[in-house]
């Protein structure tokens, strides 16, 4: 029998990494998985479907080779408005300059701009703001007629062809999904992508439309709603309710809304996800300086830590891994920050719960490890009995100082119930469903573990114990909490069992 491995480093916050030119090779993908990536993002705004298919195939091969379930997120571009081509490719504008948006696909006149959104001139109004290049260039509409919209430059700089255009506060008629988005969503459904995210969400109806598209194509993919428009913040409750997961997309959110409000909006979104029991990803510029530098700024490290303390299930890397110079290094750094933050987070929660426990009982007692309040709404498909069993087992795990909390779940919903309560005892999600295992890769604190379905709980415990000893997670005398149904694999979860190794 091989000697057990050393106890592994446990990092509960998940890492989502964007693939790009710097990380698309199979060797690079393997290195990122070894460094700690849990989910890969395919940015459908760049690259072709054949290129994304190659990336998906490489991820699946690496996942199989390393025997580690890895999720894949297809990120639809959504109705992103971009400038047309500019004469010479770029133009410098200064504060006070006037420029015109005109109709058509191209222009030859200096100071005139076109956009990919045909109704732009019709839907702009005097006084509206126009932001270009992630808000670095700011304009205000001074005049509009049937042929053009005249804008004054508030903040100048260099404007380049095809840069993004944001219209904060402007109600647009553009549909949530373009023809290209439909094509990409259908591809994602056909190849078994695990998550599909919808950009520039404005209402729950748009989320439900994408879910229906995926279901009619036989896809089990979870839909991620990206919160990056003012309308999304205004309709936050219904959007979170409709979505399977949520992304705090701070790039466009900081342009579409007042950038000063973004930190508090982030907290608002995360709190809503806790109430509705939905995984939440915090994204954009988390370790942005590491596209070139080998170390993050102090502010970036603090930003990642604060997202985790807020309750993020995952943090996402974009340009850092897609085009950066040190993709693996930045993943390792994010995990280091997460590990150190979680130590303090769990210690603080332990002291808080111990104090509350003693205050309630009026005498010495054992602290519990149910860290977050109970959700106000259960995730769709989760039975209240299952939630109660998970909560009760979590309390028992804390009182018995268990070393492992195992959840048998074919769909993965029970793993979400455990994840969103932030229990400190390490959790493994057991399933014989590869799609559910890959989706569990996004859930805070859950290690997805392939396990053949069995109705024999003794056999199941033997398998968990053997894995735990082999991985250095368990030793003789340790206790395991198992949550399962009387018929594992049927979806029922009416049993919590304590097992001593």
Protein backbone atom coordinates (compact mmCIF):
# COMPACT_ATOMS: atom_id res chain seq x y z
CA UNK A 1 0.00 0.00 0.00
CA UNK A 2 1.52 3.38 -0.98
CA UNK A 3 2.40 5.83 1.75
CA UNK A 4 -0.17 8.61 2.27
CA UNK A 5 0.65 11.96 0.73
CA UNK A 6 1.38 14.97 2.93
CA UNK A 7 -1.76 16.86 4.00
CA UNK A 8 -2.69 19.13 1.08
CA UNK A 9 -2.99 22.88 1.22
CA UNK A 10 -6.69 23.70 1.42
CA UNK A 11 -7.83 26.84 -0.42
CA UNK A 12 -11.60 27.20 -0.48
CA UNK A 13 -12.04 30.22 -2.76
CA UNK A 14 -12.12 29.10 -6.38
CA UNK A 15 -10.00 30.58 -9.20
CA UNK A 16 -11.48 31.28 -12.63
CA UNK A 17 -8.85 31.97 -15.32
CA UNK A 18 -9.39 33.33 -18.84
CA UNK A 19 -7.64 31.53 -21.66
CA UNK A 20 -5.90 33.54 -24.36
CA UNK A 21 -2.73 33.68 -26.43
CA UNK A 22 -0.57 33.45 -23.32
CA UNK A 23 -2.27 30.32 -21.97
CA UNK A 24 -4.01 28.35 -24.72
CA UNK A 25 -1.40 25.62 -25.20
CA UNK A 26 -1.98 22.28 -23.51
CA UNK A 27 1.23 22.66 -21.53
CA UNK A 28 0.14 26.09 -20.27
CA UNK A 29 -3.32 24.81 -19.34
CA UNK A 30 -1.80 21.94 -17.38
CA UNK A 31 0.48 24.38 -15.56
CA UNK A 32 -2.48 26.59 -14.62
CA UNK A 33 -4.47 23.61 -13.29
CA UNK A 34 -1.49 22.50 -11.24
CA UNK A 35 -1.20 26.08 -9.93
CA UNK A 36 -4.82 26.01 -8.79
CA UNK A 37 -7.26 26.98 -11.55
CA UNK A 38 -10.72 25.48 -10.98
CA UNK A 39 -12.66 26.91 -13.94
CA UNK A 40 -11.45 28.19 -17.32
CA UNK A 41 -13.23 31.05 -19.07
CA UNK A 42 -13.51 31.10 -22.85
CA UNK A 43 -14.06 34.71 -23.93
CA UNK A 44 -16.38 34.36 -26.91
CA UNK A 45 -15.80 38.02 -27.87
CA UNK A 46 -12.38 36.96 -29.18
CA UNK A 47 -11.41 34.01 -31.33
CA UNK A 48 -13.39 31.65 -33.51
CA UNK A 49 -15.49 28.63 -32.58
CA UNK A 50 -12.80 26.23 -33.93
CA UNK A 51 -10.24 27.94 -31.68
CA UNK A 52 -12.52 27.66 -28.65
CA UNK A 53 -13.17 24.01 -29.51
CA UNK A 54 -9.40 23.40 -29.46
CA UNK A 55 -9.16 25.07 -26.05
CA UNK A 56 -12.06 23.00 -24.70
CA UNK A 57 -10.51 19.77 -25.99
CA UNK A 58 -7.21 20.64 -24.32
CA UNK A 59 -8.89 21.44 -21.02
CA UNK A 60 -10.75 18.13 -21.06
CA UNK A 61 -7.55 16.19 -21.83
CA UNK A 62 -5.66 17.90 -19.00
CA UNK A 63 -8.57 17.34 -16.62
CA UNK A 64 -8.62 13.64 -17.45
CA UNK A 65 -4.84 13.29 -17.22
CA UNK A 66 -4.75 14.93 -13.78
CA UNK A 67 -7.96 13.18 -12.62
CA UNK A 68 -9.31 16.55 -11.56
CA UNK A 69 -12.73 17.89 -12.61
CA UNK A 70 -12.29 21.33 -14.20
CA UNK A 71 -15.18 23.57 -15.19
CA UNK A 72 -15.44 25.55 -18.43
CA UNK A 73 -17.29 28.86 -18.72
CA UNK A 74 -18.29 30.20 -22.15
CA UNK A 75 -18.62 33.97 -21.76
CA UNK A 76 -20.98 35.41 -24.38
CA UNK A 77 -20.00 38.87 -25.61
CA UNK A 78 -23.50 40.32 -25.38
CA UNK A 79 -24.58 43.61 -26.97
CA UNK A 80 -21.23 45.37 -26.64
CA UNK A 81 -21.21 48.60 -28.66
CA UNK A 82 -17.96 49.41 -30.44
CA UNK A 83 -16.66 52.25 -32.56
CA UNK A 84 -16.22 51.76 -36.28
CA UNK A 85 -12.92 52.21 -38.09
CA UNK A 86 -11.25 55.59 -37.70
CA UNK A 87 -9.12 57.27 -40.40
CA UNK A 88 -5.53 56.40 -39.51
CA UNK A 89 -6.72 54.02 -36.78
CA UNK A 90 -6.77 56.58 -33.95
CA UNK A 91 -7.41 60.19 -33.05
CA UNK A 92 -6.44 62.39 -30.12
CA UNK A 93 -9.18 64.48 -28.51
CA UNK A 94 -8.86 67.15 -25.83
CA UNK A 95 -11.29 68.56 -23.29
CA UNK A 96 -13.74 70.90 -25.00
CA UNK A 97 -13.39 69.37 -28.47
CA UNK A 98 -16.53 68.51 -30.42
CA UNK A 99 -17.03 65.21 -32.23
CA UNK A 100 -19.99 63.79 -34.16
CA UNK A 101 -21.54 60.34 -34.20
CA UNK A 102 -22.94 59.76 -37.69
CA UNK A 103 -24.81 56.96 -39.36
CA UNK A 104 -23.12 54.33 -41.49
CA UNK A 105 -20.30 51.83 -41.24
CA UNK A 106 -17.31 54.11 -41.83
CA UNK A 107 -16.30 57.73 -42.09
CA UNK A 108 -13.53 59.61 -43.80
CA UNK A 109 -13.95 62.91 -41.95
CA UNK A 110 -11.82 63.84 -38.91
CA UNK A 111 -13.91 64.21 -35.80
CA UNK A 112 -16.67 61.92 -37.06
CA UNK A 113 -17.41 58.53 -35.55
CA UNK A 114 -19.56 55.55 -36.39
CA UNK A 115 -20.64 52.70 -34.12
CA UNK A 116 -21.68 49.08 -34.48
CA UNK A 117 -25.07 49.91 -32.91
CA UNK A 118 -27.24 51.25 -35.73
CA UNK A 119 -29.98 52.94 -33.62
CA UNK A 120 -27.37 54.84 -31.55
CA UNK A 121 -28.28 58.33 -32.84
CA UNK A 122 -32.00 57.65 -32.42
CA UNK A 123 -31.63 56.57 -28.79
CA UNK A 124 -29.20 59.24 -27.56
CA UNK A 125 -30.57 62.41 -26.00
CA UNK A 126 -29.14 65.80 -25.12
CA UNK A 127 -27.29 65.54 -21.81
CA UNK A 128 -26.56 61.82 -22.12
CA UNK A 129 -23.06 60.62 -21.28
CA UNK A 130 -20.99 58.61 -23.77
CA UNK A 131 -17.99 56.72 -22.41
CA UNK A 132 -15.29 55.26 -24.65
CA UNK A 133 -12.43 52.85 -23.90
CA UNK A 134 -13.66 51.63 -20.49
CA UNK A 135 -14.51 55.17 -19.43
CA UNK A 136 -11.11 56.73 -20.04
CA UNK A 137 -12.69 59.04 -22.63
CA UNK A 138 -15.85 60.89 -21.57
CA UNK A 139 -18.31 62.80 -23.76
CA UNK A 140 -21.66 64.51 -23.28
CA UNK A 141 -24.32 64.89 -25.98
CA UNK A 142 -25.01 68.56 -26.76
CA UNK A 143 -27.13 68.29 -29.88
CA UNK A 144 -28.97 65.57 -31.79
CA UNK A 145 -30.89 65.47 -35.04
CA UNK A 146 -31.85 62.90 -37.67
CA UNK A 147 -28.31 62.61 -39.07
CA UNK A 148 -25.89 62.97 -36.18
CA UNK A 149 -25.29 63.46 -32.46
CA UNK A 150 -22.86 66.24 -31.54
CA UNK A 151 -20.81 65.55 -28.41
CA UNK A 152 -18.42 67.64 -26.32
CA UNK A 153 -15.31 66.02 -24.86
CA UNK A 154 -15.31 66.11 -21.04
CA UNK A 155 -12.19 63.97 -20.60
CA UNK A 156 -9.79 63.59 -23.50
CA UNK A 157 -7.21 61.10 -24.67
CA UNK A 158 -6.50 58.83 -27.60
CA UNK A 159 -9.46 57.12 -29.24
CA UNK A 160 -8.78 54.03 -31.36
CA UNK A 161 -10.82 52.08 -33.87
CA UNK A 162 -13.14 49.37 -32.48
CA UNK A 163 -12.92 50.55 -28.88
CA UNK A 164 -15.90 49.89 -26.65
CA UNK A 165 -18.67 52.43 -26.12
CA UNK A 166 -20.76 52.65 -22.95
CA UNK A 167 -23.94 54.69 -22.58
CA UNK A 168 -24.64 54.87 -18.84
CA UNK A 169 -28.26 55.59 -18.10
CA UNK A 170 -29.40 55.30 -21.72
CA UNK A 171 -32.25 52.81 -22.27
CA UNK A 172 -31.24 50.77 -25.31
CA UNK A 173 -33.47 48.60 -27.48
CA UNK A 174 -30.65 46.24 -28.42
CA UNK A 175 -31.49 42.58 -27.66
CA UNK A 176 -29.61 40.79 -24.90
CA UNK A 177 -28.17 38.25 -27.35
CA UNK A 178 -26.86 38.98 -30.82
CA UNK A 179 -26.87 36.46 -33.66
CA UNK A 180 -23.27 35.63 -32.76
CA UNK A 181 -24.26 35.07 -29.13
CA UNK A 182 -26.97 32.60 -30.21
CA UNK A 183 -24.45 30.75 -32.33
CA UNK A 184 -21.94 30.63 -29.47
CA UNK A 185 -24.59 29.49 -26.98
CA UNK A 186 -25.70 26.69 -29.28
CA UNK A 187 -22.07 25.60 -29.69
CA UNK A 188 -21.60 25.65 -25.90
CA UNK A 189 -24.72 23.50 -25.47
CA UNK A 190 -23.63 21.01 -28.12
CA UNK A 191 -20.15 20.39 -26.64
CA UNK A 192 -21.07 20.17 -22.96
CA UNK A 193 -19.71 23.46 -21.64
CA UNK A 194 -20.44 23.71 -17.91
CA UNK A 195 -21.35 27.39 -17.52
CA UNK A 196 -22.57 30.01 -20.00
CA UNK A 197 -22.48 33.66 -18.95
CA UNK A 198 -24.68 36.41 -20.33
CA UNK A 199 -23.15 39.87 -20.62
CA UNK A 200 -24.93 43.18 -20.05
CA UNK A 201 -27.96 41.56 -18.42
CA UNK A 202 -30.81 44.01 -17.83
CA UNK A 203 -33.67 41.79 -16.66
CA UNK A 204 -34.53 38.30 -15.45
CA UNK A 205 -36.35 37.66 -18.74
CA UNK A 206 -33.03 37.73 -20.60
CA UNK A 207 -31.55 35.17 -18.20
CA UNK A 208 -34.57 32.89 -18.60
CA UNK A 209 -34.33 33.16 -22.39
CA UNK A 210 -30.76 31.85 -22.35
CA UNK A 211 -31.70 29.07 -19.91
CA UNK A 212 -34.51 28.00 -22.21
CA UNK A 213 -32.20 28.00 -25.23
CA UNK A 214 -29.72 25.74 -23.42
CA UNK A 215 -32.37 23.35 -22.08
CA UNK A 216 -34.01 22.89 -25.48
CA UNK A 217 -30.57 21.89 -26.82
CA UNK A 218 -30.20 19.29 -24.06
CA UNK A 219 -27.56 21.26 -22.17
CA UNK A 220 -27.08 21.04 -18.39
CA UNK A 221 -24.96 24.21 -18.35
CA UNK A 222 -25.55 26.68 -15.52
CA UNK A 223 -26.32 30.26 -16.58
CA UNK A 224 -24.17 33.01 -15.08
CA UNK A 225 -25.69 36.51 -15.08
CA UNK A 226 -23.08 39.25 -15.40
CA UNK A 227 -24.05 42.36 -13.43
CA UNK A 228 -22.53 45.31 -15.28
CA UNK A 229 -25.38 47.68 -16.13
CA UNK A 230 -27.40 50.09 -14.03
CA UNK A 231 -30.61 48.30 -14.99
CA UNK A 232 -29.13 45.06 -13.65
CA UNK A 233 -28.47 46.65 -10.27
CA UNK A 234 -32.00 48.03 -10.23
CA UNK A 235 -33.41 44.56 -11.06
CA UNK A 236 -30.87 42.68 -8.97
CA UNK A 237 -33.23 40.54 -6.88
CA UNK A 238 -35.14 39.10 -9.85
CA UNK A 239 -31.96 38.53 -11.87
CA UNK A 240 -30.21 36.68 -9.03
CA UNK A 241 -33.36 34.61 -8.51
CA UNK A 242 -33.46 33.63 -12.20
CA UNK A 243 -29.74 32.91 -12.65
CA UNK A 244 -27.79 29.83 -11.58
CA UNK A 245 -24.75 31.93 -10.67
CA UNK A 246 -23.75 35.60 -10.81
CA UNK A 247 -20.66 37.53 -11.85
CA UNK A 248 -19.76 40.97 -10.48
CA UNK A 249 -18.33 42.31 -13.76
CA UNK A 250 -16.66 45.40 -12.40
CA UNK A 251 -15.13 46.61 -15.68
CA UNK A 252 -18.26 47.80 -17.44
CA UNK A 253 -20.08 48.18 -14.11
CA UNK A 254 -17.59 50.92 -13.19
CA UNK A 255 -18.43 52.72 -16.42
CA UNK A 256 -22.18 52.15 -16.53
CA UNK A 257 -22.52 53.32 -12.92
CA UNK A 258 -20.58 55.73 -10.72
CA UNK A 259 -17.19 54.12 -10.16
CA UNK A 260 -17.28 55.34 -6.55
CA UNK A 261 -20.30 53.12 -5.91
CA UNK A 262 -18.75 49.90 -7.27
CA UNK A 263 -17.33 48.63 -3.93
CA UNK A 264 -20.72 48.88 -2.23
CA UNK A 265 -22.57 47.50 -5.25
CA UNK A 266 -20.20 44.52 -5.12
CA UNK A 267 -21.20 43.90 -1.51
CA UNK A 268 -24.87 44.32 -2.40
CA UNK A 269 -24.63 41.71 -5.16
CA UNK A 270 -22.77 39.23 -2.97
CA UNK A 271 -25.32 39.61 -0.17
CA UNK A 272 -28.15 38.97 -2.64
CA UNK A 273 -26.38 35.81 -3.83
CA UNK A 274 -26.10 34.63 -0.24
CA UNK A 275 -29.84 35.15 0.29
CA UNK A 276 -30.71 33.27 -2.90
CA UNK A 277 -28.03 30.59 -2.41
CA UNK A 278 -26.26 31.35 -5.70
CA UNK A 279 -22.49 31.11 -6.36
CA UNK A 280 -20.93 34.50 -7.12
CA UNK A 281 -17.76 35.38 -9.03
CA UNK A 282 -15.92 38.69 -8.57
CA UNK A 283 -14.13 39.76 -11.76
CA UNK A 284 -12.02 42.42 -13.48
CA UNK A 285 -8.61 43.89 -12.65
CA UNK A 286 -8.14 41.79 -9.54
CA UNK A 287 -4.38 41.42 -10.12
CA UNK A 288 -4.17 43.57 -13.24
CA UNK A 289 -0.61 44.82 -12.73
CA UNK A 290 0.60 41.22 -12.94
CA UNK A 291 0.00 41.24 -16.67
CA UNK A 292 3.58 42.53 -16.64
CA UNK A 293 4.81 42.59 -13.04
CA UNK A 294 5.78 39.52 -11.01
CA UNK A 295 4.09 40.87 -7.87
CA UNK A 296 0.72 42.57 -7.40
CA UNK A 297 0.23 45.98 -5.87
CA UNK A 298 -0.78 46.16 -2.23
CA UNK A 299 -4.16 47.54 -3.33
CA UNK A 300 -4.75 44.54 -5.63
CA UNK A 301 -3.90 42.03 -2.92
CA UNK A 302 -6.27 43.85 -0.58
CA UNK A 303 -8.98 43.86 -3.27
CA UNK A 304 -8.81 40.07 -3.64
CA UNK A 305 -8.88 39.63 0.13
CA UNK A 306 -11.87 41.93 0.54
CA UNK A 307 -13.82 40.09 -2.18
CA UNK A 308 -13.26 36.86 -0.25
CA UNK A 309 -14.27 38.48 3.04
CA UNK A 310 -17.39 39.84 1.33
CA UNK A 311 -18.35 36.25 0.49
CA UNK A 312 -17.20 35.67 -3.09
CA UNK A 313 -17.19 32.01 -4.11
CA UNK A 314 -14.60 32.63 -6.82
CA UNK A 315 -12.27 35.33 -8.10
CA UNK A 316 -11.63 35.69 -11.82
CA UNK A 317 -8.49 36.53 -13.78
CA UNK A 318 -8.91 38.09 -17.23
CA UNK A 319 -5.99 39.69 -19.06
CA UNK A 320 -3.67 38.45 -16.32
CA UNK A 321 -3.86 34.90 -17.69
CA UNK A 322 -5.13 35.55 -21.24
CA UNK A 323 -2.36 37.89 -22.43
CA UNK A 324 -0.16 38.40 -19.37
CA UNK A 325 3.51 37.58 -19.10
CA UNK A 326 3.19 35.38 -15.98
CA UNK A 327 -0.07 33.35 -16.15
CA UNK A 328 0.98 30.62 -13.73
CA UNK A 329 2.57 33.08 -11.31
CA UNK A 330 -0.60 35.15 -11.06
CA UNK A 331 -2.72 32.06 -10.30
CA UNK A 332 -0.28 31.04 -7.57
CA UNK A 333 -0.44 34.55 -6.13
CA UNK A 334 -4.24 34.58 -6.07
CA UNK A 335 -4.27 31.28 -4.20
CA UNK A 336 -1.69 32.59 -1.72
CA UNK A 337 -3.84 35.63 -1.00
CA UNK A 338 -6.94 33.42 -0.68
CA UNK A 339 -5.18 31.00 1.68
CA UNK A 340 -4.01 33.76 4.03
CA UNK A 341 -7.38 35.54 3.93
CA UNK A 342 -9.32 32.36 4.65
CA UNK A 343 -7.18 31.63 7.71
CA UNK A 344 -8.22 34.92 9.28
CA UNK A 345 -11.78 34.70 7.94
CA UNK A 346 -12.36 31.29 9.53
CA UNK A 347 -10.66 32.30 12.78
CA UNK A 348 -12.79 35.44 13.06
CA UNK A 349 -15.97 33.51 12.31
CA UNK A 350 -15.04 30.89 14.87
CA UNK A 351 -14.65 33.53 17.58
CA UNK A 352 -17.90 35.21 16.55
CA UNK A 353 -19.88 31.97 16.60
CA UNK A 354 -18.30 30.92 19.91
CA UNK A 355 -19.34 34.21 21.49
CA UNK A 356 -22.87 33.92 20.11
CA UNK A 357 -23.10 30.30 21.26
CA UNK A 358 -22.02 31.16 24.79
CA UNK A 359 -24.37 34.14 24.91
CA UNK A 360 -27.28 31.93 23.87
CA UNK A 361 -26.48 29.06 26.25
CA UNK A 362 -25.23 31.11 29.16
CA UNK A 363 -22.53 28.56 29.88
CA UNK A 364 -19.49 26.95 28.36
CA UNK A 365 -20.19 25.18 25.11
CA UNK A 366 -18.71 24.02 21.85
CA UNK A 367 -18.50 26.57 19.01
CA UNK A 368 -20.37 25.74 15.85
CA UNK A 369 -19.18 26.29 12.31
CA UNK A 370 -22.31 27.51 10.52
CA UNK A 371 -20.77 30.75 9.43
CA UNK A 372 -23.31 32.48 7.21
CA UNK A 373 -27.00 33.03 7.92
CA UNK A 374 -29.46 30.57 6.50
CA UNK A 375 -30.54 31.49 2.94
CA UNK A 376 -33.91 33.19 2.56
CA UNK A 377 -34.57 31.23 -0.63
CA UNK A 378 -33.41 27.73 -1.51
CA UNK A 379 -31.69 27.15 -4.84
CA UNK A 380 -34.14 25.75 -7.40
CA UNK A 381 -34.54 21.99 -7.04
CA UNK A 382 -33.20 21.77 -3.47
CA UNK A 383 -35.65 20.18 -1.02
CA UNK A 384 -36.06 21.87 2.39
CA UNK A 385 -35.32 18.53 4.07
CA UNK A 386 -31.99 18.37 2.28
CA UNK A 387 -31.11 21.89 3.46
CA UNK A 388 -32.05 20.99 7.04
CA UNK A 389 -29.95 17.81 6.94
CA UNK A 390 -26.95 19.75 5.58
CA UNK A 391 -27.31 22.43 8.26
CA UNK A 392 -27.66 19.88 11.03
CA UNK A 393 -24.69 17.88 9.78
CA UNK A 394 -22.63 21.08 9.56
CA UNK A 395 -23.32 21.76 13.21
CA UNK A 396 -22.39 18.21 14.17
CA UNK A 397 -19.19 18.44 12.12
CA UNK A 398 -18.15 21.50 14.10
CA UNK A 399 -18.98 19.99 17.46
CA UNK A 400 -17.09 16.76 16.70
CA UNK A 401 -14.13 18.51 15.07
CA UNK A 402 -14.63 16.39 11.96
CA UNK A 403 -11.83 16.34 9.40
CA UNK A 404 -14.01 15.83 6.33
CA UNK A 405 -17.57 16.64 5.28
CA UNK A 406 -18.74 14.47 2.36
CA UNK A 407 -21.81 15.29 0.27
CA UNK A 408 -23.17 12.68 -2.14
CA UNK A 409 -25.00 14.58 -4.84
CA UNK A 410 -25.81 13.61 -8.40
CA UNK A 411 -26.94 17.11 -9.39
CA UNK A 412 -24.55 19.08 -7.20
CA UNK A 413 -27.34 21.09 -5.53
CA UNK A 414 -26.60 19.66 -2.10
CA UNK A 415 -22.99 20.75 -2.52
CA UNK A 416 -24.24 24.32 -3.12
CA UNK A 417 -26.26 24.13 0.11
CA UNK A 418 -23.14 23.14 2.01
CA UNK A 419 -20.89 25.64 0.20
CA UNK A 420 -23.04 28.70 0.84
CA UNK A 421 -22.99 28.17 4.62
CA UNK A 422 -19.17 28.47 4.64
CA UNK A 423 -18.43 25.55 6.94
CA UNK A 424 -14.78 25.31 7.96
CA UNK A 425 -14.58 21.51 7.81
CA UNK A 426 -13.19 20.65 4.34
CA UNK A 427 -15.94 19.43 2.00
CA UNK A 428 -15.85 16.88 -0.79
CA UNK A 429 -18.66 16.62 -3.31
CA UNK A 430 -19.22 13.03 -4.45
CA UNK A 431 -20.94 12.24 -7.72
CA UNK A 432 -20.93 9.81 -10.62
CA UNK A 433 -22.05 12.64 -12.93
CA UNK A 434 -19.05 14.30 -14.68
CA UNK A 435 -21.05 17.45 -15.51
CA UNK A 436 -22.04 17.95 -11.86
CA UNK A 437 -18.46 17.41 -10.73
CA UNK A 438 -17.18 20.07 -13.13
CA UNK A 439 -19.82 22.50 -11.90
CA UNK A 440 -18.86 21.76 -8.28
CA UNK A 441 -15.42 23.11 -9.20
CA UNK A 442 -16.93 26.61 -8.86
CA UNK A 443 -18.45 26.11 -5.41
CA UNK A 444 -16.56 27.60 -2.46
CA UNK A 445 -14.89 25.02 -0.27
CA UNK A 446 -16.03 21.99 -2.29
CA UNK A 447 -13.53 19.50 -3.74
CA UNK A 448 -15.28 17.52 -6.51
CA UNK A 449 -14.56 13.80 -6.22
CA UNK A 450 -15.70 11.22 -8.80
CA UNK A 451 -17.40 8.32 -7.04
CA UNK A 452 -19.41 5.45 -8.46
CA UNK A 453 -23.02 5.39 -7.33
CA UNK A 454 -23.86 2.76 -4.74
CA UNK A 455 -26.74 2.00 -2.40
CA UNK A 456 -24.30 0.51 0.12
CA UNK A 457 -23.29 3.28 2.54
CA UNK A 458 -20.54 1.08 3.97
CA UNK A 459 -18.93 0.74 0.56
CA UNK A 460 -19.23 4.49 0.02
CA UNK A 461 -17.55 5.25 3.35
CA UNK A 462 -14.75 2.80 2.56
CA UNK A 463 -14.11 4.61 -0.71
CA UNK A 464 -14.10 8.04 0.95
CA UNK A 465 -11.79 6.81 3.70
CA UNK A 466 -9.36 5.25 1.24
CA UNK A 467 -9.24 8.46 -0.78
CA UNK A 468 -8.80 10.61 2.34
CA UNK A 469 -5.91 8.51 3.66
CA UNK A 470 -4.25 8.36 0.23
CA UNK A 471 -4.48 12.15 -0.16
CA UNK A 472 -3.25 12.90 3.35
CA UNK A 473 -6.64 14.27 4.41
CA UNK A 474 -7.46 11.56 6.97
CA UNK A 475 -5.79 9.32 9.50
CA UNK A 476 -6.93 6.76 12.03
CA UNK A 477 -9.34 8.22 14.60
CA UNK A 478 -10.55 11.10 12.38
CA UNK A 479 -14.26 11.65 11.95
CA UNK A 480 -16.18 12.05 8.69
CA UNK A 481 -19.66 13.54 8.25
CA UNK A 482 -21.54 12.07 5.30
CA UNK A 483 -24.73 13.57 3.89
CA UNK A 484 -26.56 11.28 1.47
CA UNK A 485 -29.92 9.75 0.71
CA UNK A 486 -31.12 6.32 1.61
CA UNK A 487 -30.65 5.60 -2.09
CA UNK A 488 -27.46 7.35 -3.24
CA UNK A 489 -27.84 8.53 -6.80
CA UNK A 490 -31.60 9.07 -6.58
CA UNK A 491 -31.41 12.69 -5.43
CA UNK A 492 -32.76 12.08 -1.91
CA UNK A 493 -30.76 13.51 1.00
CA UNK A 494 -32.39 12.43 4.21
CA UNK A 495 -29.42 11.06 6.13
CA UNK A 496 -26.44 12.45 8.01
CA UNK A 497 -23.96 9.88 9.24
CA UNK A 498 -20.86 10.13 11.44
CA UNK A 499 -18.02 7.74 10.67
CA UNK A 500 -14.74 7.34 12.56
CA UNK A 501 -11.73 6.18 10.57
